[in-house]
């Protein structure tokens, strides 16, 4: 079903994001990277293209937010990951929501 596809898509988005953030993080440690570090990466919205299927833009936004959070947690948080947002702003809202949770974890 499409839920499984959606979950796989989230994993692939996360892997893509980790790969990108990791590559930039490694580059920034090289002599060239130290002279002129990459400070931000602009990305298309992962998972929002032709193969979106039944996924809502909100779910894609949340998936992208999770991927960004994982990448920032694992690699250099100084690298800013920016998305080229689609008009509905769903990904932007998703990112803001996760950023808020990330900065202010809920106390149990």
PDB file of N, CA and C in Angstrom:
ATOM      1  N   UNK A   1       0.824  -1.207   0.000  1.00  0.00           N
ATOM      2  CA  UNK A   1       0.000   0.000   0.000  1.00  0.00           C
ATOM      3  C   UNK A   1       0.856   1.254   0.000  1.00  0.00           C
ATOM      4  N   UNK A   2       0.197   2.382  -0.118  1.00  0.00           N
ATOM      5  CA  UNK A   2       0.957   3.629  -0.232  1.00  0.00           C
ATOM      6  C   UNK A   2       1.602   4.055   1.072  1.00  0.00           C
ATOM      7  N   UNK A   3       1.090   3.559   2.223  1.00  0.00           N
ATOM      8  CA  UNK A   3       1.714   3.912   3.503  1.00  0.00           C
ATOM      9  C   UNK A   3       3.137   3.376   3.575  1.00  0.00           C
ATOM     10  N   UNK A   4       3.300   2.149   3.083  1.00  0.00           N
ATOM     11  CA  UNK A   4       4.634   1.554   3.088  1.00  0.00           C
ATOM     12  C   UNK A   4       5.560   2.346   2.156  1.00  0.00           C
ATOM     13  N   UNK A   5       5.043   2.713   0.985  1.00  0.00           N
ATOM     14  CA  UNK A   5       5.821   3.513   0.033  1.00  0.00           C
ATOM     15  C   UNK A   5       6.230   4.827   0.687  1.00  0.00           C
ATOM     16  N   UNK A   6       5.282   5.403   1.422  1.00  0.00           N
ATOM     17  CA  UNK A   6       5.542   6.674   2.095  1.00  0.00           C
ATOM     18  C   UNK A   6       6.675   6.507   3.107  1.00  0.00           C
ATOM     19  N   UNK A   7       6.639   5.410   3.870  1.00  0.00           N
ATOM     20  CA  UNK A   7       7.682   5.155   4.867  1.00  0.00           C
ATOM     21  C   UNK A   7       9.035   4.961   4.185  1.00  0.00           C
ATOM     22  N   UNK A   8       9.040   4.213   3.072  1.00  0.00           N
ATOM     23  CA  UNK A   8      10.282   4.003   2.330  1.00  0.00           C
ATOM     24  C   UNK A   8      10.798   5.327   1.798  1.00  0.00           C
ATOM     25  N   UNK A   9       9.880   6.148   1.347  1.00  0.00           N
ATOM     26  CA  UNK A   9      10.258   7.442   0.802  1.00  0.00           C
ATOM     27  C   UNK A   9      10.904   8.305   1.882  1.00  0.00           C
ATOM     28  N   UNK A  10      10.342   8.251   3.098  1.00  0.00           N
ATOM     29  CA  UNK A  10      10.914   9.009   4.220  1.00  0.00           C
ATOM     30  C   UNK A  10      12.344   8.533   4.478  1.00  0.00           C
ATOM     31  N   UNK A  11      12.551   7.211   4.446  1.00  0.00           N
ATOM     32  CA  UNK A  11      13.895   6.667   4.668  1.00  0.00           C
ATOM     33  C   UNK A  11      14.857   7.117   3.584  1.00  0.00           C
ATOM     34  N   UNK A  12      14.395   7.117   2.330  1.00  0.00           N
ATOM     35  CA  UNK A  12      15.282   7.529   1.242  1.00  0.00           C
ATOM     36  C   UNK A  12      15.566   9.026   1.330  1.00  0.00           C
ATOM     37  N   UNK A  13      14.552   9.810   1.733  1.00  0.00           N
ATOM     38  CA  UNK A  13      14.776  11.252   1.911  1.00  0.00           C
ATOM     39  C   UNK A  13      15.829  11.477   2.992  1.00  0.00           C
ATOM     40  N   UNK A  14      15.719  10.702   4.075  1.00  0.00           N
ATOM     41  CA  UNK A  14      16.640  10.837   5.204  1.00  0.00           C
ATOM     42  C   UNK A  14      18.059  10.464   4.767  1.00  0.00           C
ATOM     43  N   UNK A  15      18.168   9.362   4.015  1.00  0.00           N
ATOM     44  CA  UNK A  15      19.477   8.917   3.534  1.00  0.00           C
ATOM     45  C   UNK A  15      20.081   9.961   2.595  1.00  0.00           C
ATOM     46  N   UNK A  16      19.241  10.525   1.729  1.00  0.00           N
ATOM     47  CA  UNK A  16      19.704  11.560   0.797  1.00  0.00           C
ATOM     48  C   UNK A  16      20.238  12.758   1.568  1.00  0.00           C
ATOM     49  N   UNK A  17      19.465  13.185   2.552  1.00  0.00           N
ATOM     50  CA  UNK A  17      19.828  14.352   3.344  1.00  0.00           C
ATOM     51  C   UNK A  17      21.108  14.104   4.135  1.00  0.00           C
ATOM     52  N   UNK A  18      21.215  12.904   4.732  1.00  0.00           N
ATOM     53  CA  UNK A  18      22.422  12.561   5.491  1.00  0.00           C
ATOM     54  C   UNK A  18      23.639  12.544   4.569  1.00  0.00           C
ATOM     55  N   UNK A  19      23.439  12.026   3.354  1.00  0.00           N
ATOM     56  CA  UNK A  19      24.531  11.984   2.371  1.00  0.00           C
ATOM     57  C   UNK A  19      24.997  13.379   1.990  1.00  0.00           C
ATOM     58  N   UNK A  20      24.043  14.261   1.732  1.00  0.00           N
ATOM     59  CA  UNK A  20      24.372  15.634   1.334  1.00  0.00           C
ATOM     60  C   UNK A  20      25.069  16.368   2.482  1.00  0.00           C
ATOM     61  N   UNK A  21      24.463  16.306   3.663  1.00  0.00           N
ATOM     62  CA  UNK A  21      25.033  17.008   4.822  1.00  0.00           C
ATOM     63  C   UNK A  21      26.408  16.440   5.167  1.00  0.00           C
ATOM     64  N   UNK A  22      26.540  15.120   5.065  1.00  0.00           N
ATOM     65  CA  UNK A  22      27.822  14.473   5.358  1.00  0.00           C
ATOM     66  C   UNK A  22      28.906  14.903   4.388  1.00  0.00           C
ATOM     67  N   UNK A  23      28.562  14.957   3.095  1.00  0.00           N
ATOM     68  CA  UNK A  23      29.536  15.360   2.073  1.00  0.00           C
ATOM     69  C   UNK A  23      29.994  16.795   2.304  1.00  0.00           C
ATOM     70  N   UNK A  24      29.059  17.675   2.596  1.00  0.00           N
ATOM     71  CA  UNK A  24      29.393  19.082   2.838  1.00  0.00           C
ATOM     72  C   UNK A  24      30.240  19.212   4.098  1.00  0.00           C
ATOM     73  N   UNK A  25      29.855  18.480   5.136  1.00  0.00           N
ATOM     74  CA  UNK A  25      30.582  18.502   6.400  1.00  0.00           C
ATOM     75  C   UNK A  25      32.034  18.064   6.188  1.00  0.00           C
ATOM     76  N   UNK A  26      32.224  16.996   5.398  1.00  0.00           N
ATOM     77  CA  UNK A  26      33.576  16.506   5.108  1.00  0.00           C
ATOM     78  C   UNK A  26      34.350  17.523   4.269  1.00  0.00           C
ATOM     79  N   UNK A  27      33.686  18.097   3.271  1.00  0.00           N
ATOM     80  CA  UNK A  27      34.343  19.098   2.414  1.00  0.00           C
ATOM     81  C   UNK A  27      34.822  20.289   3.252  1.00  0.00           C
ATOM     82  N   UNK A  28      33.992  20.719   4.195  1.00  0.00           N
ATOM     83  CA  UNK A  28      34.329  21.882   5.021  1.00  0.00           C
ATOM     84  C   UNK A  28      35.560  21.648   5.902  1.00  0.00           C
ATOM     85  N   UNK A  29      35.938  20.368   6.088  1.00  0.00           N
ATOM     86  CA  UNK A  29      37.127  20.040   6.884  1.00  0.00           C
ATOM     87  C   UNK A  29      38.407  20.043   6.035  1.00  0.00           C
ATOM     88  N   UNK A  30      38.256  20.098   4.704  1.00  0.00           N
ATOM     89  CA  UNK A  30      39.431  20.087   3.825  1.00  0.00           C
ATOM     90  C   UNK A  30      40.062  21.479   3.803  1.00  0.00           C
ATOM     91  N   UNK A  31      41.317  21.580   3.310  1.00  0.00           N
ATOM     92  CA  UNK A  31      41.950  22.908   3.223  1.00  0.00           C
ATOM     93  C   UNK A  31      41.113  23.912   2.418  1.00  0.00           C
ATOM     94  N   UNK A  32      40.515  23.454   1.315  1.00  0.00           N
ATOM     95  CA  UNK A  32      39.677  24.359   0.506  1.00  0.00           C
ATOM     96  C   UNK A  32      38.428  24.753   1.274  1.00  0.00           C
ATOM     97  N   UNK A  33      37.850  23.773   1.946  1.00  0.00           N
ATOM     98  CA  UNK A  33      36.630  24.021   2.708  1.00  0.00           C
ATOM     99  C   UNK A  33      36.846  24.973   3.873  1.00  0.00           C
ATOM    100  N   UNK A  34      38.040  24.905   4.455  1.00  0.00           N
ATOM    101  CA  UNK A  34      38.335  25.815   5.566  1.00  0.00           C
ATOM    102  C   UNK A  34      38.480  27.250   5.076  1.00  0.00           C
ATOM    103  N   UNK A  35      39.012  27.398   3.857  1.00  0.00           N
ATOM    104  CA  UNK A  35      39.162  28.735   3.272  1.00  0.00           C
ATOM    105  C   UNK A  35      37.802  29.289   2.850  1.00  0.00           C
ATOM    106  N   UNK A  36      37.032  28.448   2.171  1.00  0.00           N
ATOM    107  CA  UNK A  36      35.728  28.904   1.680  1.00  0.00           C
ATOM    108  C   UNK A  36      34.671  27.842   1.987  1.00  0.00           C
ATOM    109  N   UNK A  37      34.193  27.781   3.234  1.00  0.00           N
ATOM    110  CA  UNK A  37      33.238  26.734   3.609  1.00  0.00           C
ATOM    111  C   UNK A  37      31.864  26.920   2.964  1.00  0.00           C
ATOM    112  N   UNK A  38      31.191  25.798   2.756  1.00  0.00           N
ATOM    113  CA  UNK A  38      29.803  25.841   2.297  1.00  0.00           C
ATOM    114  C   UNK A  38      28.956  26.114   3.534  1.00  0.00           C
ATOM    115  N   UNK A  39      28.200  27.194   3.514  1.00  0.00           N
ATOM    116  CA  UNK A  39      27.414  27.574   4.691  1.00  0.00           C
ATOM    117  C   UNK A  39      25.952  27.160   4.582  1.00  0.00           C
ATOM    118  N   UNK A  40      25.469  26.993   3.358  1.00  0.00           N
ATOM    119  CA  UNK A  40      24.059  26.621   3.176  1.00  0.00           C
ATOM    120  C   UNK A  40      23.905  25.851   1.875  1.00  0.00           C
ATOM    121  N   UNK A  41      22.926  24.970   1.852  1.00  0.00           N
ATOM    122  CA  UNK A  41      22.626  24.204   0.642  1.00  0.00           C
ATOM    123  C   UNK A  41      21.157  24.435   0.325  1.00  0.00           C
ATOM    124  N   UNK A  42      20.873  24.776  -0.915  1.00  0.00           N
ATOM    125  CA  UNK A  42      19.476  24.904  -1.334  1.00  0.00           C
ATOM    126  C   UNK A  42      19.074  23.608  -2.018  1.00  0.00           C
ATOM    127  N   UNK A  43      17.968  23.056  -1.589  1.00  0.00           N
ATOM    128  CA  UNK A  43      17.542  21.749  -2.083  1.00  0.00           C
ATOM    129  C   UNK A  43      16.140  21.802  -2.649  1.00  0.00           C
ATOM    130  N   UNK A  44      15.876  20.954  -3.641  1.00  0.00           N
ATOM    131  CA  UNK A  44      14.474  20.805  -4.032  1.00  0.00           C
ATOM    132  C   UNK A  44      13.753  20.074  -2.907  1.00  0.00           C
ATOM    133  N   UNK A  45      12.457  20.115  -2.931  1.00  0.00           N
ATOM    134  CA  UNK A  45      11.662  19.433  -1.914  1.00  0.00           C
ATOM    135  C   UNK A  45      11.734  17.935  -2.189  1.00  0.00           C
ATOM    136  N   UNK A  46      12.356  17.174  -1.300  1.00  0.00           N
ATOM    137  CA  UNK A  46      12.509  15.739  -1.538  1.00  0.00           C
ATOM    138  C   UNK A  46      11.156  15.045  -1.472  1.00  0.00           C
ATOM    139  N   UNK A  47      10.899  14.182  -2.428  1.00  0.00           N
ATOM    140  CA  UNK A  47       9.666  13.404  -2.406  1.00  0.00           C
ATOM    141  C   UNK A  47       8.442  14.129  -2.930  1.00  0.00           C
ATOM    142  N   UNK A  48       8.613  15.338  -3.430  1.00  0.00           N
ATOM    143  CA  UNK A  48       7.432  16.102  -3.847  1.00  0.00           C
ATOM    144  C   UNK A  48       7.258  16.126  -5.363  1.00  0.00           C
ATOM    145  N   UNK A  49       8.052  15.346  -6.047  1.00  0.00           N
ATOM    146  CA  UNK A  49       8.002  15.380  -7.504  1.00  0.00           C
ATOM    147  C   UNK A  49       6.983  14.424  -8.095  1.00  0.00           C
ATOM    148  N   UNK A  50       7.356  13.853  -9.211  1.00  0.00           N
ATOM    149  CA  UNK A  50       6.467  13.026 -10.014  1.00  0.00           C
ATOM    150  C   UNK A  50       5.942  11.810  -9.249  1.00  0.00           C
ATOM    151  N   UNK A  51       6.702  11.291  -8.286  1.00  0.00           N
ATOM    152  CA  UNK A  51       6.334  10.045  -7.606  1.00  0.00           C
ATOM    153  C   UNK A  51       5.637  10.275  -6.274  1.00  0.00           C
ATOM    154  N   UNK A  52       5.037  11.440  -6.103  1.00  0.00           N
ATOM    155  CA  UNK A  52       4.404  11.779  -4.829  1.00  0.00           C
ATOM    156  C   UNK A  52       3.289  10.806  -4.467  1.00  0.00           C
ATOM    157  N   UNK A  53       2.569  10.310  -5.456  1.00  0.00           N
ATOM    158  CA  UNK A  53       1.492   9.354  -5.191  1.00  0.00           C
ATOM    159  C   UNK A  53       0.433   9.933  -4.286  1.00  0.00           C
ATOM    160  N   UNK A  54       0.088   9.185  -3.221  1.00  0.00           N
ATOM    161  CA  UNK A  54      -0.994   9.591  -2.318  1.00  0.00           C
ATOM    162  C   UNK A  54      -0.518  10.494  -1.188  1.00  0.00           C
ATOM    163  N   UNK A  55       0.760  10.795  -1.141  1.00  0.00           N
ATOM    164  CA  UNK A  55       1.284  11.569  -0.009  1.00  0.00           C
ATOM    165  C   UNK A  55       0.835  13.023  -0.092  1.00  0.00           C
ATOM    166  N   UNK A  56       0.413  13.552   1.048  1.00  0.00           N
ATOM    167  CA  UNK A  56       0.018  14.965   1.085  1.00  0.00           C
ATOM    168  C   UNK A  56       1.274  15.814   1.201  1.00  0.00           C
ATOM    169  N   UNK A  57       1.163  17.074   0.813  1.00  0.00           N
ATOM    170  CA  UNK A  57       2.306  17.971   0.946  1.00  0.00           C
ATOM    171  C   UNK A  57       2.695  18.140   2.410  1.00  0.00           C
ATOM    172  N   UNK A  58       1.702  18.056   3.315  1.00  0.00           N
ATOM    173  CA  UNK A  58       2.029  18.151   4.744  1.00  0.00           C
ATOM    174  C   UNK A  58       2.905  16.983   5.180  1.00  0.00           C
ATOM    175  N   UNK A  59       2.567  15.765   4.704  1.00  0.00           N
ATOM    176  CA  UNK A  59       3.371  14.601   5.106  1.00  0.00           C
ATOM    177  C   UNK A  59       4.771  14.705   4.507  1.00  0.00           C
ATOM    178  N   UNK A  60       4.863  15.239   3.300  1.00  0.00           N
ATOM    179  CA  UNK A  60       6.173  15.429   2.672  1.00  0.00           C
ATOM    180  C   UNK A  60       6.968  16.466   3.455  1.00  0.00           C
ATOM    181  N   UNK A  61       6.284  17.519   3.880  1.00  0.00           N
ATOM    182  CA  UNK A  61       6.940  18.552   4.686  1.00  0.00           C
ATOM    183  C   UNK A  61       7.496  17.981   5.975  1.00  0.00           C
ATOM    184  N   UNK A  62       6.699  17.121   6.618  1.00  0.00           N
ATOM    185  CA  UNK A  62       7.158  16.507   7.867  1.00  0.00           C
ATOM    186  C   UNK A  62       8.342  15.574   7.609  1.00  0.00           C
ATOM    187  N   UNK A  63       8.259  14.808   6.512  1.00  0.00           N
ATOM    188  CA  UNK A  63       9.347  13.889   6.168  1.00  0.00           C
ATOM    189  C   UNK A  63      10.638  14.659   5.919  1.00  0.00           C
ATOM    190  N   UNK A  64      10.529  15.768   5.197  1.00  0.00           N
ATOM    191  CA  UNK A  64      11.705  16.592   4.934  1.00  0.00           C
ATOM    192  C   UNK A  64      12.257  17.167   6.232  1.00  0.00           C
ATOM    193  N   UNK A  65      11.361  17.561   7.121  1.00  0.00           N
ATOM    194  CA  UNK A  65      11.782  18.132   8.406  1.00  0.00           C
ATOM    195  C   UNK A  65      12.551  17.095   9.227  1.00  0.00           C
ATOM    196  N   UNK A  66      12.049  15.853   9.249  1.00  0.00           N
ATOM    197  CA  UNK A  66      12.716  14.769   9.983  1.00  0.00           C
ATOM    198  C   UNK A  66      14.108  14.528   9.386  1.00  0.00           C
ATOM    199  N   UNK A  67      14.178  14.536   8.049  1.00  0.00           N
ATOM    200  CA  UNK A  67      15.457  14.316   7.371  1.00  0.00           C
ATOM    201  C   UNK A  67      16.462  15.411   7.724  1.00  0.00           C
ATOM    202  N   UNK A  68      15.996  16.651   7.736  1.00  0.00           N
ATOM    203  CA  UNK A  68      16.877  17.775   8.075  1.00  0.00           C
ATOM    204  C   UNK A  68      17.343  17.662   9.527  1.00  0.00           C
ATOM    205  N   UNK A  69      16.410  17.334  10.403  1.00  0.00           N
ATOM    206  CA  UNK A  69      16.749  17.200  11.829  1.00  0.00           C
ATOM    207  C   UNK A  69      17.827  16.132  12.023  1.00  0.00           C
ATOM    208  N   UNK A  70      17.658  14.993  11.339  1.00  0.00           N
ATOM    209  CA  UNK A  70      18.633  13.902  11.450  1.00  0.00           C
ATOM    210  C   UNK A  70      20.002  14.361  10.956  1.00  0.00           C
ATOM    211  N   UNK A  71      20.015  15.069   9.831  1.00  0.00           N
ATOM    212  CA  UNK A  71      21.280  15.519   9.249  1.00  0.00           C
ATOM    213  C   UNK A  71      21.977  16.531  10.150  1.00  0.00           C
ATOM    214  N   UNK A  72      21.210  17.473  10.688  1.00  0.00           N
ATOM    215  CA  UNK A  72      21.783  18.503  11.550  1.00  0.00           C
ATOM    216  C   UNK A  72      22.305  17.886  12.851  1.00  0.00           C
ATOM    217  N   UNK A  73      21.568  16.909  13.375  1.00  0.00           N
ATOM    218  CA  UNK A  73      21.974  16.251  14.620  1.00  0.00           C
ATOM    219  C   UNK A  73      23.278  15.476  14.417  1.00  0.00           C
ATOM    220  N   UNK A  74      23.376  14.825  13.259  1.00  0.00           N
ATOM    221  CA  UNK A  74      24.524  13.950  13.024  1.00  0.00           C
ATOM    222  C   UNK A  74      25.767  14.697  12.541  1.00  0.00           C
ATOM    223  N   UNK A  75      25.536  15.751  11.759  1.00  0.00           N
ATOM    224  CA  UNK A  75      26.667  16.472  11.175  1.00  0.00           C
ATOM    225  C   UNK A  75      26.719  17.908  11.677  1.00  0.00           C
ATOM    226  N   UNK A  76      27.516  18.702  10.988  1.00  0.00           N
ATOM    227  CA  UNK A  76      27.785  20.066  11.416  1.00  0.00           C
ATOM    228  C   UNK A  76      26.532  20.938  11.375  1.00  0.00           C
ATOM    229  N   UNK A  77      26.062  21.383  12.533  1.00  0.00           N
ATOM    230  CA  UNK A  77      24.839  22.186  12.549  1.00  0.00           C
ATOM    231  C   UNK A  77      25.012  23.566  11.921  1.00  0.00           C
ATOM    232  N   UNK A  78      26.272  23.948  11.623  1.00  0.00           N
ATOM    233  CA  UNK A  78      26.481  25.251  10.987  1.00  0.00           C
ATOM    234  C   UNK A  78      26.053  25.250   9.527  1.00  0.00           C
ATOM    235  N   UNK A  79      25.940  24.053   8.941  1.00  0.00           N
ATOM    236  CA  UNK A  79      25.487  23.978   7.550  1.00  0.00           C
ATOM    237  C   UNK A  79      23.974  24.132   7.531  1.00  0.00           C
ATOM    238  N   UNK A  80      23.520  25.162   6.877  1.00  0.00           N
ATOM    239  CA  UNK A  80      22.079  25.411   6.825  1.00  0.00           C
ATOM    240  C   UNK A  80      21.490  24.711   5.607  1.00  0.00           C
ATOM    241  N   UNK A  81      20.441  23.930   5.832  1.00  0.00           N
ATOM    242  CA  UNK A  81      19.763  23.247   4.732  1.00  0.00           C
ATOM    243  C   UNK A  81      18.485  24.012   4.424  1.00  0.00           C
ATOM    244  N   UNK A  82      18.415  24.560   3.224  1.00  0.00           N
ATOM    245  CA  UNK A  82      17.251  25.355   2.838  1.00  0.00           C
ATOM    246  C   UNK A  82      16.500  24.614   1.741  1.00  0.00           C
ATOM    247  N   UNK A  83      15.183  24.635   1.825  1.00  0.00           N
ATOM    248  CA  UNK A  83      14.390  24.046   0.752  1.00  0.00           C
ATOM    249  C   UNK A  83      13.823  25.136  -0.135  1.00  0.00           C
ATOM    250  N   UNK A  84      13.694  24.811  -1.419  1.00  0.00           N
ATOM    251  CA  UNK A  84      12.994  25.704  -2.334  1.00  0.00           C
ATOM    252  C   UNK A  84      11.522  25.349  -2.175  1.00  0.00           C
ATOM    253  N   UNK A  85      10.838  26.120  -1.373  1.00  0.00           N
ATOM    254  CA  UNK A  85       9.489  25.745  -0.956  1.00  0.00           C
ATOM    255  C   UNK A  85       8.475  25.833  -2.078  1.00  0.00           C
ATOM    256  N   UNK A  86       7.528  24.916  -2.033  1.00  0.00           N
ATOM    257  CA  UNK A  86       6.423  24.938  -2.985  1.00  0.00           C
ATOM    258  C   UNK A  86       5.377  25.930  -2.459  1.00  0.00           C
ATOM    259  N   UNK A  87       4.486  26.392  -3.326  1.00  0.00           N
ATOM    260  CA  UNK A  87       3.582  27.484  -2.951  1.00  0.00           C
ATOM    261  C   UNK A  87       2.715  27.241  -1.717  1.00  0.00           C
ATOM    262  N   UNK A  88       2.402  25.992  -1.399  1.00  0.00           N
ATOM    263  CA  UNK A  88       1.498  25.749  -0.268  1.00  0.00           C
ATOM    264  C   UNK A  88       2.191  25.970   1.079  1.00  0.00           C
ATOM    265  N   UNK A  89       3.530  26.041   1.077  1.00  0.00           N
ATOM    266  CA  UNK A  89       4.296  26.233   2.313  1.00  0.00           C
ATOM    267  C   UNK A  89       4.186  25.057   3.285  1.00  0.00           C
ATOM    268  N   UNK A  90       3.678  23.910   2.828  1.00  0.00           N
ATOM    269  CA  UNK A  90       3.512  22.758   3.721  1.00  0.00           C
ATOM    270  C   UNK A  90       4.855  22.299   4.288  1.00  0.00           C
ATOM    271  N   UNK A  91       5.877  22.264   3.443  1.00  0.00           N
ATOM    272  CA  UNK A  91       7.191  21.816   3.920  1.00  0.00           C
ATOM    273  C   UNK A  91       7.754  22.809   4.922  1.00  0.00           C
ATOM    274  N   UNK A  92       7.549  24.081   4.636  1.00  0.00           N
ATOM    275  CA  UNK A  92       8.037  25.116   5.547  1.00  0.00           C
ATOM    276  C   UNK A  92       7.374  24.971   6.915  1.00  0.00           C
ATOM    277  N   UNK A  93       6.056  24.768   6.923  1.00  0.00           N
ATOM    278  CA  UNK A  93       5.333  24.591   8.197  1.00  0.00           C
ATOM    279  C   UNK A  93       5.836  23.344   8.918  1.00  0.00           C
ATOM    280  N   UNK A  94       6.040  22.263   8.156  1.00  0.00           N
ATOM    281  CA  UNK A  94       6.556  21.022   8.741  1.00  0.00           C
ATOM    282  C   UNK A  94       7.923  21.238   9.377  1.00  0.00           C
ATOM    283  N   UNK A  95       8.787  21.962   8.665  1.00  0.00           N
ATOM    284  CA  UNK A  95      10.121  22.236   9.197  1.00  0.00           C
ATOM    285  C   UNK A  95      10.054  23.074  10.461  1.00  0.00           C
ATOM    286  N   UNK A  96       9.200  24.090  10.449  1.00  0.00           N
ATOM    287  CA  UNK A  96       9.071  24.957  11.619  1.00  0.00           C
ATOM    288  C   UNK A  96       8.597  24.154  12.834  1.00  0.00           C
ATOM    289  N   UNK A  97       7.631  23.260  12.571  1.00  0.00           N
ATOM    290  CA  UNK A  97       7.066  22.426  13.641  1.00  0.00           C
ATOM    291  C   UNK A  97       8.158  21.546  14.259  1.00  0.00           C
ATOM    292  N   UNK A  98       8.972  20.915  13.405  1.00  0.00           N
ATOM    293  CA  UNK A  98      10.030  20.040  13.904  1.00  0.00           C
ATOM    294  C   UNK A  98      11.158  20.832  14.544  1.00  0.00           C
ATOM    295  N   UNK A  99      11.431  22.012  13.992  1.00  0.00           N
ATOM    296  CA  UNK A  99      12.478  22.847  14.572  1.00  0.00           C
ATOM    297  C   UNK A  99      12.085  23.231  16.001  1.00  0.00           C
ATOM    298  N   UNK A 100      10.809  23.545  16.181  1.00  0.00           N
ATOM    299  CA  UNK A 100      10.294  23.919  17.499  1.00  0.00           C
ATOM    300  C   UNK A 100      10.460  22.737  18.470  1.00  0.00           C
ATOM    301  N   UNK A 101      10.088  21.529  18.020  1.00  0.00           N
ATOM    302  CA  UNK A 101      10.220  20.332  18.864  1.00  0.00           C
ATOM    303  C   UNK A 101      11.689  20.048  19.177  1.00  0.00           C
ATOM    304  N   UNK A 102      12.533  20.301  18.184  1.00  0.00           N
ATOM    305  CA  UNK A 102      13.959  20.025  18.321  1.00  0.00           C
ATOM    306  C   UNK A 102      14.586  20.985  19.335  1.00  0.00           C
ATOM    307  N   UNK A 103      14.182  22.244  19.278  1.00  0.00           N
ATOM    308  CA  UNK A 103      14.739  23.258  20.178  1.00  0.00           C
ATOM    309  C   UNK A 103      14.137  23.180  21.576  1.00  0.00           C
ATOM    310  N   UNK A 104      12.851  22.845  21.636  1.00  0.00           N
ATOM    311  CA  UNK A 104      12.158  22.799  22.926  1.00  0.00           C
ATOM    312  C   UNK A 104      11.508  21.439  23.114  1.00  0.00           C
ATOM    313  N   UNK A 105      12.309  20.408  23.442  1.00  0.00           N
ATOM    314  CA  UNK A 105      11.713  19.068  23.603  1.00  0.00           C
ATOM    315  C   UNK A 105      10.638  19.066  24.692  1.00  0.00           C
ATOM    316  N   UNK A 106       9.584  18.307  24.436  1.00  0.00           N
ATOM    317  CA  UNK A 106       8.480  18.225  25.406  1.00  0.00           C
ATOM    318  C   UNK A 106       8.946  17.480  26.652  1.00  0.00           C
ATOM    319  N   UNK A 107       8.613  17.990  27.787  1.00  0.00           N
ATOM    320  CA  UNK A 107       8.928  17.294  29.045  1.00  0.00           C
ATOM    321  C   UNK A 107       7.783  16.321  29.368  1.00  0.00           C
ATOM    322  N   UNK A 108       8.144  15.119  29.759  1.00  0.00           N
ATOM    323  CA  UNK A 108       7.109  14.138  30.131  1.00  0.00           C
ATOM    324  C   UNK A 108       6.689  14.322  31.577  1.00  0.00           C
TER     325      UNK A 108
END
